[in-house]
N, C-alpha and C. Protein backbone atom coordinates (compact mmCIF):
# COMPACT_ATOMS: atom_id res chain seq x y z
N MET A 1 -37.50 8.96 -5.18
CA MET A 1 -37.00 8.68 -6.53
C MET A 1 -35.49 8.51 -6.48
N TYR A 2 -34.99 7.48 -7.18
CA TYR A 2 -33.55 7.21 -7.18
C TYR A 2 -32.82 8.29 -7.96
N LYS A 3 -31.77 8.78 -7.36
CA LYS A 3 -30.94 9.80 -8.01
C LYS A 3 -29.56 9.22 -8.28
N GLU A 4 -29.16 9.22 -9.52
CA GLU A 4 -27.87 8.67 -9.89
C GLU A 4 -26.74 9.52 -9.31
N VAL A 5 -25.77 8.83 -8.71
CA VAL A 5 -24.61 9.53 -8.17
C VAL A 5 -23.53 9.59 -9.24
N ILE A 6 -23.18 10.78 -9.66
CA ILE A 6 -22.17 10.95 -10.70
C ILE A 6 -20.79 11.00 -10.04
N PRO A 7 -19.90 10.07 -10.42
CA PRO A 7 -18.57 10.05 -9.79
C PRO A 7 -17.84 11.38 -9.98
N MET A 8 -17.17 11.82 -8.95
CA MET A 8 -16.40 13.06 -9.01
C MET A 8 -14.97 12.75 -9.44
N LYS A 9 -14.49 13.44 -10.45
CA LYS A 9 -13.13 13.24 -10.91
C LYS A 9 -12.14 13.80 -9.90
N PHE A 10 -10.86 13.36 -10.01
CA PHE A 10 -9.88 13.75 -9.01
C PHE A 10 -9.74 15.26 -8.91
N GLY A 11 -9.64 15.94 -10.04
CA GLY A 11 -9.46 17.38 -10.02
C GLY A 11 -10.63 18.10 -9.37
N GLU A 12 -11.83 17.62 -9.66
CA GLU A 12 -13.03 18.19 -9.05
C GLU A 12 -13.03 17.97 -7.54
N LYS A 13 -12.62 16.78 -7.13
CA LYS A 13 -12.58 16.47 -5.70
C LYS A 13 -11.52 17.30 -5.00
N LEU A 14 -10.36 17.44 -5.63
CA LEU A 14 -9.29 18.24 -5.04
C LEU A 14 -9.74 19.69 -4.84
N LYS A 15 -10.38 20.25 -5.85
CA LYS A 15 -10.86 21.63 -5.76
C LYS A 15 -11.92 21.77 -4.67
N ALA A 16 -12.85 20.80 -4.62
CA ALA A 16 -13.91 20.85 -3.62
C ALA A 16 -13.35 20.76 -2.20
N LEU A 17 -12.37 19.88 -2.00
CA LEU A 17 -11.75 19.74 -0.69
C LEU A 17 -10.98 21.00 -0.31
N ARG A 18 -10.29 21.55 -1.29
CA ARG A 18 -9.51 22.78 -1.04
C ARG A 18 -10.43 23.92 -0.62
N GLU A 19 -11.53 24.08 -1.33
CA GLU A 19 -12.46 25.16 -1.02
C GLU A 19 -13.18 24.91 0.30
N LYS A 20 -13.47 23.65 0.59
CA LYS A 20 -14.11 23.30 1.86
C LYS A 20 -13.24 23.70 3.05
N HIS A 21 -11.93 23.57 2.87
CA HIS A 21 -11.00 23.91 3.95
C HIS A 21 -10.49 25.35 3.84
N HIS A 22 -11.11 26.12 2.92
CA HIS A 22 -10.78 27.54 2.75
C HIS A 22 -9.29 27.74 2.45
N LEU A 23 -8.81 26.94 1.52
CA LEU A 23 -7.40 27.02 1.12
C LEU A 23 -7.29 27.47 -0.33
N THR A 24 -6.25 28.21 -0.63
CA THR A 24 -5.96 28.58 -2.01
C THR A 24 -5.07 27.52 -2.65
N GLN A 25 -4.93 27.60 -3.95
CA GLN A 25 -4.02 26.68 -4.63
C GLN A 25 -2.60 26.87 -4.12
N THR A 26 -2.25 28.10 -3.80
CA THR A 26 -0.91 28.39 -3.26
C THR A 26 -0.72 27.73 -1.90
N ASP A 27 -1.76 27.75 -1.07
CA ASP A 27 -1.69 27.10 0.25
C ASP A 27 -1.39 25.61 0.10
N VAL A 28 -2.13 24.96 -0.79
CA VAL A 28 -1.95 23.52 -1.01
C VAL A 28 -0.57 23.25 -1.60
N ALA A 29 -0.15 24.11 -2.51
CA ALA A 29 1.17 23.95 -3.14
C ALA A 29 2.28 23.98 -2.10
N LYS A 30 2.17 24.88 -1.12
CA LYS A 30 3.19 24.97 -0.07
C LYS A 30 3.24 23.70 0.76
N GLU A 31 2.08 23.12 1.05
CA GLU A 31 2.03 21.88 1.83
C GLU A 31 2.70 20.73 1.09
N LEU A 32 2.55 20.72 -0.24
CA LEU A 32 3.11 19.63 -1.04
C LEU A 32 4.53 19.90 -1.50
N GLY A 33 4.97 21.15 -1.38
CA GLY A 33 6.29 21.50 -1.87
C GLY A 33 6.37 21.57 -3.37
N VAL A 34 5.26 22.00 -4.00
CA VAL A 34 5.21 22.14 -5.45
C VAL A 34 4.77 23.56 -5.79
N THR A 35 4.66 23.85 -7.07
CA THR A 35 4.23 25.17 -7.50
C THR A 35 2.71 25.27 -7.53
N GLN A 36 2.22 26.50 -7.51
CA GLN A 36 0.77 26.72 -7.65
C GLN A 36 0.29 26.21 -8.99
N ARG A 37 1.15 26.30 -9.99
CA ARG A 37 0.78 25.83 -11.33
C ARG A 37 0.52 24.32 -11.32
N ALA A 38 1.26 23.58 -10.51
CA ALA A 38 1.06 22.14 -10.43
C ALA A 38 -0.32 21.81 -9.86
N ILE A 39 -0.74 22.54 -8.82
CA ILE A 39 -2.06 22.31 -8.24
C ILE A 39 -3.15 22.65 -9.25
N SER A 40 -2.95 23.74 -9.98
CA SER A 40 -3.90 24.12 -11.02
C SER A 40 -4.00 23.03 -12.08
N TYR A 41 -2.86 22.43 -12.42
CA TYR A 41 -2.84 21.35 -13.42
C TYR A 41 -3.62 20.15 -12.92
N TYR A 42 -3.42 19.78 -11.64
CA TYR A 42 -4.15 18.65 -11.07
C TYR A 42 -5.66 18.89 -11.13
N GLU A 43 -6.07 20.11 -10.78
CA GLU A 43 -7.50 20.41 -10.72
C GLU A 43 -8.13 20.50 -12.11
N ASN A 44 -7.44 21.09 -13.05
CA ASN A 44 -8.02 21.32 -14.37
C ASN A 44 -7.93 20.12 -15.29
N ASN A 45 -6.94 19.27 -15.06
CA ASN A 45 -6.75 18.11 -15.94
C ASN A 45 -7.15 16.79 -15.28
N ASN A 46 -7.67 16.88 -14.03
CA ASN A 46 -8.11 15.69 -13.31
C ASN A 46 -7.03 14.63 -13.23
N VAL A 47 -5.80 15.08 -12.99
CA VAL A 47 -4.65 14.18 -12.88
C VAL A 47 -4.16 14.20 -11.44
N ALA A 48 -4.03 13.01 -10.85
CA ALA A 48 -3.54 12.91 -9.48
C ALA A 48 -2.02 12.88 -9.47
N PRO A 49 -1.38 13.42 -8.44
CA PRO A 49 0.08 13.32 -8.34
C PRO A 49 0.51 11.86 -8.36
N ASN A 50 1.63 11.57 -9.01
CA ASN A 50 2.12 10.18 -9.04
C ASN A 50 3.10 9.90 -7.92
N ASP A 51 3.32 10.88 -7.06
CA ASP A 51 4.23 10.72 -5.93
C ASP A 51 3.42 10.30 -4.70
N PRO A 52 3.66 9.09 -4.15
CA PRO A 52 2.90 8.63 -2.98
C PRO A 52 2.99 9.59 -1.80
N GLU A 53 4.16 10.22 -1.63
CA GLU A 53 4.32 11.16 -0.51
C GLU A 53 3.40 12.36 -0.66
N ALA A 54 3.25 12.84 -1.89
CA ALA A 54 2.36 13.98 -2.14
C ALA A 54 0.91 13.60 -1.87
N LEU A 55 0.52 12.39 -2.26
CA LEU A 55 -0.84 11.93 -2.01
C LEU A 55 -1.11 11.82 -0.51
N ASN A 56 -0.13 11.31 0.22
CA ASN A 56 -0.30 11.21 1.67
C ASN A 56 -0.42 12.59 2.32
N LYS A 57 0.34 13.56 1.80
CA LYS A 57 0.26 14.92 2.34
C LYS A 57 -1.12 15.52 2.08
N LEU A 58 -1.68 15.25 0.90
CA LEU A 58 -3.02 15.74 0.60
C LEU A 58 -4.06 15.12 1.53
N ALA A 59 -3.96 13.81 1.72
CA ALA A 59 -4.91 13.12 2.60
C ALA A 59 -4.82 13.67 4.02
N LYS A 60 -3.61 13.89 4.48
CA LYS A 60 -3.41 14.43 5.83
C LYS A 60 -3.93 15.86 5.93
N LEU A 61 -3.68 16.65 4.90
CA LEU A 61 -4.12 18.05 4.89
C LEU A 61 -5.64 18.15 4.99
N PHE A 62 -6.33 17.28 4.25
CA PHE A 62 -7.79 17.33 4.21
C PHE A 62 -8.44 16.40 5.24
N GLU A 63 -7.61 15.71 6.02
CA GLU A 63 -8.09 14.83 7.09
C GLU A 63 -9.03 13.75 6.56
N ILE A 64 -8.59 13.11 5.47
CA ILE A 64 -9.34 12.00 4.89
C ILE A 64 -8.38 10.87 4.58
N THR A 65 -8.92 9.71 4.22
CA THR A 65 -8.07 8.58 3.85
C THR A 65 -7.71 8.68 2.38
N LEU A 66 -6.72 7.89 1.97
CA LEU A 66 -6.35 7.87 0.55
C LEU A 66 -7.47 7.30 -0.30
N ASP A 67 -8.20 6.33 0.24
CA ASP A 67 -9.36 5.81 -0.50
C ASP A 67 -10.37 6.92 -0.77
N GLU A 68 -10.62 7.75 0.22
CA GLU A 68 -11.57 8.85 0.06
C GLU A 68 -11.05 9.88 -0.93
N LEU A 69 -9.74 10.06 -0.97
CA LEU A 69 -9.15 11.04 -1.88
C LEU A 69 -9.14 10.54 -3.32
N LEU A 70 -8.83 9.28 -3.52
CA LEU A 70 -8.56 8.77 -4.86
C LEU A 70 -9.73 8.04 -5.50
N ASN A 71 -10.72 7.63 -4.71
CA ASN A 71 -11.79 6.81 -5.27
C ASN A 71 -13.14 7.49 -5.15
N ASN A 72 -14.08 6.96 -5.95
CA ASN A 72 -15.44 7.49 -5.90
C ASN A 72 -16.06 7.17 -4.55
N ASP A 73 -17.03 7.95 -4.15
CA ASP A 73 -17.67 7.74 -2.85
C ASP A 73 -18.19 6.32 -2.74
N GLY A 74 -17.91 5.70 -1.60
CA GLY A 74 -18.41 4.36 -1.34
C GLY A 74 -17.58 3.25 -1.94
N GLN A 75 -16.53 3.58 -2.66
CA GLN A 75 -15.69 2.56 -3.27
C GLN A 75 -14.39 2.41 -2.50
N LYS A 76 -13.81 1.22 -2.58
CA LYS A 76 -12.51 0.96 -1.97
C LYS A 76 -11.48 0.78 -3.08
N SER A 77 -10.26 1.18 -2.81
CA SER A 77 -9.20 0.99 -3.79
C SER A 77 -8.88 -0.49 -3.92
N LYS A 78 -8.25 -0.83 -5.03
CA LYS A 78 -7.85 -2.21 -5.25
C LYS A 78 -6.89 -2.70 -4.17
N LEU A 79 -5.99 -1.83 -3.75
CA LEU A 79 -5.05 -2.21 -2.70
C LEU A 79 -5.76 -2.42 -1.37
N HIS A 80 -6.76 -1.60 -1.10
CA HIS A 80 -7.54 -1.77 0.13
C HIS A 80 -8.24 -3.12 0.12
N LYS A 81 -8.83 -3.47 -1.02
CA LYS A 81 -9.48 -4.78 -1.14
C LYS A 81 -8.47 -5.90 -0.99
N LEU A 82 -7.29 -5.69 -1.54
CA LEU A 82 -6.24 -6.70 -1.48
C LEU A 82 -5.82 -6.96 -0.04
N ILE A 83 -5.64 -5.90 0.73
CA ILE A 83 -5.24 -6.06 2.13
C ILE A 83 -6.32 -6.81 2.89
N GLU A 84 -7.58 -6.46 2.66
CA GLU A 84 -8.66 -7.15 3.35
C GLU A 84 -8.68 -8.64 3.01
N LYS A 85 -8.45 -8.95 1.74
CA LYS A 85 -8.47 -10.36 1.33
C LYS A 85 -7.27 -11.11 1.91
N LEU A 86 -6.13 -10.47 1.97
CA LEU A 86 -4.96 -11.11 2.56
C LEU A 86 -5.20 -11.43 4.03
N LEU A 87 -5.82 -10.50 4.74
CA LEU A 87 -6.14 -10.74 6.14
C LEU A 87 -7.13 -11.90 6.28
N LEU A 88 -8.14 -11.91 5.41
CA LEU A 88 -9.13 -12.97 5.46
C LEU A 88 -8.51 -14.32 5.11
N ASP A 89 -7.68 -14.34 4.05
CA ASP A 89 -7.04 -15.59 3.65
C ASP A 89 -6.07 -16.09 4.71
N THR A 90 -5.48 -15.16 5.44
CA THR A 90 -4.60 -15.57 6.54
C THR A 90 -5.40 -16.28 7.62
N GLU A 91 -6.55 -15.72 7.96
CA GLU A 91 -7.41 -16.33 8.97
C GLU A 91 -7.88 -17.71 8.53
N ARG A 92 -8.09 -17.90 7.23
CA ARG A 92 -8.62 -19.16 6.72
C ARG A 92 -7.52 -20.11 6.22
N ASN A 93 -6.26 -19.71 6.48
CA ASN A 93 -5.11 -20.56 6.12
C ASN A 93 -5.02 -20.83 4.62
N TYR A 94 -5.41 -19.85 3.80
CA TYR A 94 -5.27 -19.98 2.35
C TYR A 94 -3.85 -19.64 1.90
N LEU A 95 -3.11 -18.90 2.71
CA LEU A 95 -1.75 -18.51 2.37
C LEU A 95 -0.75 -19.36 3.14
N GLU A 96 0.35 -19.66 2.49
CA GLU A 96 1.41 -20.43 3.14
C GLU A 96 2.44 -19.45 3.69
N TRP A 97 2.57 -19.41 5.01
CA TRP A 97 3.50 -18.49 5.66
C TRP A 97 4.76 -19.22 6.07
N ARG A 98 5.89 -18.57 5.95
CA ARG A 98 7.16 -19.12 6.41
C ARG A 98 7.80 -18.14 7.37
N THR A 99 8.31 -18.66 8.46
CA THR A 99 8.88 -17.80 9.49
C THR A 99 10.26 -17.33 9.10
N ALA A 100 10.58 -16.07 9.41
CA ALA A 100 11.92 -15.56 9.18
C ALA A 100 12.90 -16.32 10.06
N ALA A 101 14.11 -16.50 9.56
CA ALA A 101 15.12 -17.25 10.31
C ALA A 101 15.43 -16.54 11.62
N ASP A 102 15.68 -17.32 12.66
CA ASP A 102 15.97 -16.73 13.97
C ASP A 102 17.23 -15.87 13.94
N ALA A 103 18.13 -16.16 13.01
CA ALA A 103 19.36 -15.39 12.92
C ALA A 103 19.13 -13.99 12.37
N GLY A 104 17.92 -13.73 11.88
CA GLY A 104 17.60 -12.39 11.40
C GLY A 104 17.72 -12.22 9.90
N PHE A 105 17.79 -13.31 9.15
CA PHE A 105 17.82 -13.21 7.69
C PHE A 105 17.15 -14.43 7.10
N PHE A 106 16.83 -14.35 5.82
CA PHE A 106 16.18 -15.45 5.15
C PHE A 106 17.21 -16.34 4.47
N ASP A 107 16.96 -17.61 4.48
CA ASP A 107 17.88 -18.58 3.91
C ASP A 107 17.90 -18.45 2.39
N PRO A 108 19.02 -18.03 1.81
CA PRO A 108 19.08 -17.86 0.35
C PRO A 108 19.01 -19.17 -0.41
N ASP A 109 19.14 -20.30 0.30
CA ASP A 109 19.06 -21.59 -0.36
C ASP A 109 17.62 -22.02 -0.62
N GLU A 110 16.67 -21.32 -0.01
CA GLU A 110 15.27 -21.65 -0.27
C GLU A 110 14.95 -21.35 -1.73
N ALA A 111 14.32 -22.30 -2.40
CA ALA A 111 14.07 -22.16 -3.83
C ALA A 111 13.14 -20.99 -4.15
N TRP A 112 12.25 -20.64 -3.22
CA TRP A 112 11.28 -19.60 -3.51
C TRP A 112 11.81 -18.21 -3.22
N PHE A 113 13.02 -18.12 -2.67
CA PHE A 113 13.56 -16.81 -2.29
C PHE A 113 14.73 -16.44 -3.16
N ASP A 114 14.62 -15.33 -3.85
CA ASP A 114 15.68 -14.82 -4.70
C ASP A 114 16.44 -13.77 -3.91
N PRO A 115 17.63 -14.08 -3.35
CA PRO A 115 18.31 -13.14 -2.46
C PRO A 115 18.79 -11.89 -3.19
N ILE A 116 18.42 -10.75 -2.67
CA ILE A 116 18.88 -9.47 -3.21
C ILE A 116 19.67 -8.72 -2.15
N ASP A 117 19.23 -8.80 -0.92
CA ASP A 117 19.91 -8.09 0.14
C ASP A 117 19.64 -8.80 1.46
N THR A 118 20.44 -8.50 2.46
CA THR A 118 20.27 -9.12 3.77
C THR A 118 19.06 -8.52 4.47
N PHE A 119 18.28 -9.38 5.07
CA PHE A 119 17.11 -8.94 5.82
C PHE A 119 17.50 -8.86 7.29
N ASN A 120 17.54 -7.68 7.84
CA ASN A 120 17.97 -7.47 9.22
C ASN A 120 16.79 -6.99 10.05
N LEU A 121 16.25 -7.88 10.87
CA LEU A 121 15.07 -7.54 11.64
C LEU A 121 15.31 -6.40 12.62
N GLU A 122 16.55 -6.26 13.09
CA GLU A 122 16.85 -5.20 14.06
C GLU A 122 16.65 -3.81 13.46
N ASP A 123 16.77 -3.70 12.14
CA ASP A 123 16.63 -2.40 11.48
C ASP A 123 15.18 -1.96 11.37
N PHE A 124 14.23 -2.85 11.67
CA PHE A 124 12.83 -2.55 11.40
C PHE A 124 12.14 -1.73 12.48
N SER A 125 12.73 -1.62 13.65
CA SER A 125 12.04 -0.99 14.76
C SER A 125 11.69 0.48 14.49
N ARG A 126 12.41 1.11 13.58
CA ARG A 126 12.17 2.54 13.32
C ARG A 126 11.08 2.78 12.28
N TYR A 127 10.52 1.73 11.70
CA TYR A 127 9.53 1.90 10.65
C TYR A 127 8.11 1.70 11.16
N ASP A 128 7.28 2.70 11.00
CA ASP A 128 5.84 2.59 11.22
C ASP A 128 5.43 2.17 12.61
N GLY A 129 6.33 2.25 13.58
CA GLY A 129 5.97 1.90 14.94
C GLY A 129 5.78 0.42 15.17
N TYR A 130 6.19 -0.41 14.22
CA TYR A 130 6.04 -1.85 14.39
C TYR A 130 7.19 -2.42 15.19
N SER A 131 6.89 -3.43 15.98
CA SER A 131 7.91 -4.15 16.72
C SER A 131 8.13 -5.48 16.03
N PHE A 132 9.33 -5.68 15.50
CA PHE A 132 9.61 -6.88 14.73
C PHE A 132 10.48 -7.84 15.52
N SER A 133 10.21 -9.10 15.40
CA SER A 133 11.10 -10.13 15.93
C SER A 133 11.10 -11.29 14.96
N ALA A 134 12.10 -12.12 15.04
CA ALA A 134 12.24 -13.23 14.10
C ALA A 134 11.06 -14.18 14.17
N ARG A 135 10.45 -14.31 15.33
CA ARG A 135 9.35 -15.26 15.48
C ARG A 135 7.99 -14.63 15.17
N GLU A 136 7.96 -13.33 14.91
CA GLU A 136 6.68 -12.66 14.68
C GLU A 136 6.56 -12.03 13.30
N SER A 137 7.60 -12.12 12.49
CA SER A 137 7.55 -11.54 11.15
C SER A 137 7.66 -12.66 10.13
N TYR A 138 6.83 -12.59 9.11
CA TYR A 138 6.72 -13.71 8.20
C TYR A 138 6.74 -13.22 6.74
N LEU A 139 6.95 -14.18 5.86
CA LEU A 139 6.77 -13.95 4.44
C LEU A 139 5.83 -15.01 3.90
N ALA A 140 5.08 -14.65 2.89
CA ALA A 140 4.25 -15.63 2.20
C ALA A 140 4.40 -15.41 0.71
N TYR A 141 4.23 -16.48 -0.05
CA TYR A 141 4.23 -16.30 -1.50
C TYR A 141 2.93 -16.85 -2.06
N TYR A 142 2.48 -16.25 -3.13
CA TYR A 142 1.21 -16.62 -3.74
C TYR A 142 1.48 -17.55 -4.91
N ARG A 143 1.00 -18.78 -4.78
CA ARG A 143 1.23 -19.81 -5.80
C ARG A 143 2.73 -19.90 -6.07
N GLY A 144 3.12 -20.09 -7.34
CA GLY A 144 4.53 -20.19 -7.66
C GLY A 144 5.06 -18.92 -8.28
N GLY A 145 4.31 -17.82 -8.16
CA GLY A 145 4.64 -16.61 -8.89
C GLY A 145 5.72 -15.75 -8.29
N GLY A 146 6.17 -16.09 -7.09
CA GLY A 146 7.25 -15.32 -6.50
C GLY A 146 6.80 -14.09 -5.75
N TYR A 147 5.52 -13.94 -5.51
CA TYR A 147 5.06 -12.78 -4.76
C TYR A 147 5.25 -13.02 -3.27
N LEU A 148 5.92 -12.12 -2.60
CA LEU A 148 6.16 -12.24 -1.18
C LEU A 148 5.41 -11.14 -0.44
N ILE A 149 4.74 -11.52 0.62
CA ILE A 149 3.90 -10.59 1.36
C ILE A 149 4.30 -10.63 2.82
N ALA A 150 4.50 -9.49 3.42
CA ALA A 150 4.94 -9.45 4.82
C ALA A 150 3.75 -9.50 5.76
N LYS A 151 3.90 -10.27 6.82
CA LYS A 151 2.92 -10.31 7.89
C LYS A 151 3.59 -9.71 9.12
N LEU A 152 3.01 -8.66 9.70
CA LEU A 152 3.66 -7.91 10.75
C LEU A 152 2.85 -7.95 12.04
N ILE A 153 3.53 -7.72 13.14
CA ILE A 153 2.88 -7.61 14.43
C ILE A 153 2.99 -6.17 14.91
N SER A 154 1.88 -5.54 15.18
CA SER A 154 1.89 -4.15 15.63
C SER A 154 2.23 -4.08 17.11
N PRO A 155 2.54 -2.88 17.61
CA PRO A 155 2.83 -2.74 19.05
C PRO A 155 1.67 -3.21 19.92
N GLU A 156 0.44 -3.17 19.39
CA GLU A 156 -0.72 -3.61 20.16
C GLU A 156 -0.93 -5.12 20.05
N GLY A 157 -0.04 -5.79 19.31
CA GLY A 157 -0.15 -7.23 19.18
C GLY A 157 -1.11 -7.68 18.09
N GLU A 158 -1.56 -6.75 17.25
CA GLU A 158 -2.48 -7.09 16.18
C GLU A 158 -1.72 -7.45 14.91
N VAL A 159 -2.22 -8.45 14.20
CA VAL A 159 -1.60 -8.85 12.93
C VAL A 159 -1.96 -7.83 11.85
N ASP A 160 -0.97 -7.41 11.11
CA ASP A 160 -1.19 -6.50 10.00
C ASP A 160 -0.54 -7.12 8.77
N ILE A 161 -0.93 -6.66 7.60
CA ILE A 161 -0.34 -7.13 6.35
C ILE A 161 0.23 -5.91 5.63
N ALA A 162 1.41 -6.05 5.08
CA ALA A 162 1.98 -4.96 4.28
C ALA A 162 2.57 -5.55 3.01
N LEU A 163 2.53 -4.79 1.94
CA LEU A 163 3.05 -5.24 0.66
C LEU A 163 4.27 -4.43 0.26
N PHE A 164 5.23 -5.12 -0.33
CA PHE A 164 6.44 -4.46 -0.78
C PHE A 164 6.79 -4.95 -2.19
N ILE A 165 7.46 -4.13 -2.94
CA ILE A 165 7.93 -4.56 -4.26
C ILE A 165 9.34 -4.03 -4.46
N PHE A 166 10.15 -4.79 -5.17
CA PHE A 166 11.53 -4.41 -5.45
C PHE A 166 11.57 -3.79 -6.84
N ILE A 167 11.82 -2.47 -6.91
CA ILE A 167 11.82 -1.75 -8.18
C ILE A 167 13.08 -0.90 -8.27
N TYR A 168 13.77 -0.98 -9.39
CA TYR A 168 14.97 -0.18 -9.61
C TYR A 168 15.97 -0.33 -8.47
N ARG A 169 16.10 -1.57 -7.99
CA ARG A 169 17.02 -1.92 -6.92
C ARG A 169 16.74 -1.16 -5.62
N LYS A 170 15.48 -0.78 -5.43
CA LYS A 170 15.05 -0.19 -4.17
C LYS A 170 13.78 -0.88 -3.71
N PHE A 171 13.64 -1.04 -2.41
CA PHE A 171 12.44 -1.65 -1.87
C PHE A 171 11.41 -0.56 -1.61
N SER A 172 10.22 -0.74 -2.12
CA SER A 172 9.15 0.24 -1.94
C SER A 172 8.01 -0.37 -1.15
N PHE A 173 7.55 0.35 -0.14
CA PHE A 173 6.41 -0.05 0.66
C PHE A 173 5.16 0.30 -0.13
N ILE A 174 4.38 -0.69 -0.53
CA ILE A 174 3.20 -0.43 -1.34
C ILE A 174 2.01 0.00 -0.48
N ALA A 175 1.65 -0.81 0.49
CA ALA A 175 0.48 -0.46 1.28
C ALA A 175 0.33 -1.36 2.48
N ASN A 176 -0.29 -0.83 3.53
CA ASN A 176 -0.89 -1.69 4.53
C ASN A 176 -2.35 -1.29 4.60
N LYS A 177 -3.07 -1.76 5.59
CA LYS A 177 -4.51 -1.52 5.58
C LYS A 177 -4.86 -0.07 5.88
N ASP A 178 -3.89 0.73 6.27
CA ASP A 178 -4.17 2.12 6.62
C ASP A 178 -3.53 3.14 5.70
N SER A 179 -2.51 2.76 4.96
CA SER A 179 -1.78 3.80 4.24
C SER A 179 -1.09 3.26 2.99
N ILE A 180 -0.69 4.19 2.16
CA ILE A 180 0.13 3.88 0.99
C ILE A 180 1.26 4.90 0.98
N LYS A 181 2.49 4.45 1.11
CA LYS A 181 3.62 5.36 1.07
C LYS A 181 4.86 4.59 0.65
N LYS A 182 5.95 5.31 0.46
CA LYS A 182 7.16 4.70 -0.09
C LYS A 182 8.30 4.77 0.90
N ILE A 183 8.96 3.63 1.12
CA ILE A 183 10.17 3.56 1.93
C ILE A 183 11.21 2.83 1.08
N ASP A 184 12.30 3.50 0.73
CA ASP A 184 13.24 2.96 -0.25
C ASP A 184 14.16 1.87 0.29
N ASP A 185 14.45 1.88 1.58
CA ASP A 185 15.50 1.00 2.06
C ASP A 185 14.98 -0.09 2.99
N LEU A 186 13.74 -0.53 2.76
CA LEU A 186 13.17 -1.59 3.57
C LEU A 186 13.51 -2.95 2.97
N TYR A 187 13.85 -3.92 3.80
CA TYR A 187 14.31 -5.20 3.29
C TYR A 187 13.24 -6.28 3.35
N LEU A 188 12.10 -5.97 2.77
CA LEU A 188 11.09 -6.98 2.47
C LEU A 188 10.82 -6.85 0.98
N LEU A 189 10.50 -7.95 0.32
CA LEU A 189 10.31 -7.79 -1.10
C LEU A 189 9.12 -8.57 -1.63
N LEU A 190 8.56 -8.02 -2.67
CA LEU A 190 7.48 -8.65 -3.40
C LEU A 190 8.00 -8.88 -4.81
N LEU A 191 8.35 -10.13 -5.13
CA LEU A 191 8.98 -10.43 -6.41
C LEU A 191 7.93 -10.74 -7.47
N ASN A 192 8.16 -10.25 -8.65
CA ASN A 192 7.27 -10.52 -9.77
C ASN A 192 8.11 -10.48 -11.04
N SER A 193 8.29 -11.61 -11.66
CA SER A 193 9.18 -11.68 -12.83
C SER A 193 8.68 -10.83 -13.98
N SER A 194 7.37 -10.64 -14.08
CA SER A 194 6.82 -9.88 -15.20
C SER A 194 6.74 -8.39 -14.89
N GLY A 195 6.76 -8.03 -13.61
CA GLY A 195 6.65 -6.64 -13.23
C GLY A 195 5.24 -6.10 -13.29
N GLU A 196 4.25 -6.94 -13.58
CA GLU A 196 2.87 -6.47 -13.70
C GLU A 196 2.13 -6.69 -12.39
N VAL A 197 2.29 -5.76 -11.47
CA VAL A 197 1.69 -5.91 -10.15
C VAL A 197 0.17 -5.95 -10.23
N ASP A 198 -0.41 -5.13 -11.10
CA ASP A 198 -1.86 -5.11 -11.22
C ASP A 198 -2.41 -6.47 -11.64
N SER A 199 -1.69 -7.16 -12.51
CA SER A 199 -2.13 -8.47 -12.97
C SER A 199 -2.18 -9.45 -11.81
N PHE A 200 -1.16 -9.37 -10.94
CA PHE A 200 -1.14 -10.22 -9.76
C PHE A 200 -2.32 -9.90 -8.85
N ILE A 201 -2.57 -8.62 -8.63
CA ILE A 201 -3.65 -8.23 -7.74
C ILE A 201 -4.99 -8.71 -8.29
N ASP A 202 -5.21 -8.52 -9.60
CA ASP A 202 -6.46 -8.95 -10.22
C ASP A 202 -6.64 -10.45 -10.10
N GLU A 203 -5.57 -11.19 -10.35
CA GLU A 203 -5.65 -12.65 -10.28
C GLU A 203 -5.94 -13.10 -8.85
N TYR A 204 -5.26 -12.50 -7.91
CA TYR A 204 -5.45 -12.89 -6.51
C TYR A 204 -6.86 -12.56 -6.03
N LEU A 205 -7.36 -11.39 -6.40
CA LEU A 205 -8.70 -10.99 -5.98
C LEU A 205 -9.78 -11.87 -6.61
N SER A 206 -9.49 -12.46 -7.76
CA SER A 206 -10.47 -13.31 -8.42
C SER A 206 -10.59 -14.68 -7.78
N ASP A 207 -9.62 -15.06 -6.95
CA ASP A 207 -9.69 -16.33 -6.22
C ASP A 207 -10.68 -16.22 -5.08
N HIS A 208 -11.54 -17.22 -4.94
CA HIS A 208 -12.54 -17.26 -3.86
C HIS A 208 -13.34 -15.96 -3.81
N PRO A 209 -13.90 -15.49 -4.93
CA PRO A 209 -14.57 -14.20 -4.94
C PRO A 209 -15.75 -14.12 -3.98
N ASP A 210 -16.39 -15.26 -3.70
CA ASP A 210 -17.55 -15.24 -2.81
C ASP A 210 -17.16 -15.00 -1.36
N ASP A 211 -15.87 -15.17 -1.07
CA ASP A 211 -15.41 -15.03 0.31
C ASP A 211 -14.99 -13.61 0.65
N ILE A 212 -14.88 -12.75 -0.36
CA ILE A 212 -14.34 -11.41 -0.13
C ILE A 212 -15.43 -10.50 0.42
N PRO A 213 -15.18 -9.85 1.58
CA PRO A 213 -16.21 -9.05 2.23
C PRO A 213 -16.36 -7.65 1.67
N PHE A 214 -16.60 -7.54 0.35
CA PHE A 214 -16.85 -6.22 -0.23
C PHE A 214 -17.59 -6.41 -1.54
């Protein structure tokens, strides 16, 4: 007989994970650098922390992925789906990629690039273990909307995709296929004149829906 699976809310999941690992609210609070009252609030009000670093600490503490922490069982986050589609569209040449200038910066005269800061490839070696070079790092934009997406080469030579957005004059790392965290001083950008990132993601995911492997 089919049994309906009732989605577990964030607070319920947090409490279940905490108890599974035999941790108190105080234990979890110490790991996150917050008060015990904050953990109690998350559990009782089913509210997830809005700090990406705190979410990553929780995922690491419980040895699960962010998708497993934040989403219902068997579901993928919107960002996870987005990364998969970007990888697929790259393989099928649906995205237009432009190579970073050999001099280590992007040409501000390009109509699709709104210069905010200098892009220095040499500064990238300390981030996420990626090895960057002018001939291996790319930007792409989606339609005419100004969205820029980084294509990276990992130390193992595998192509990865990462998303960035420029908010409050700081560059924030949105996600790659493995993680979601924030890096303030990274010089890749995802431009959006309206600031509605979710709208862009929804629109992009709706393109070629039959091709998306989920």
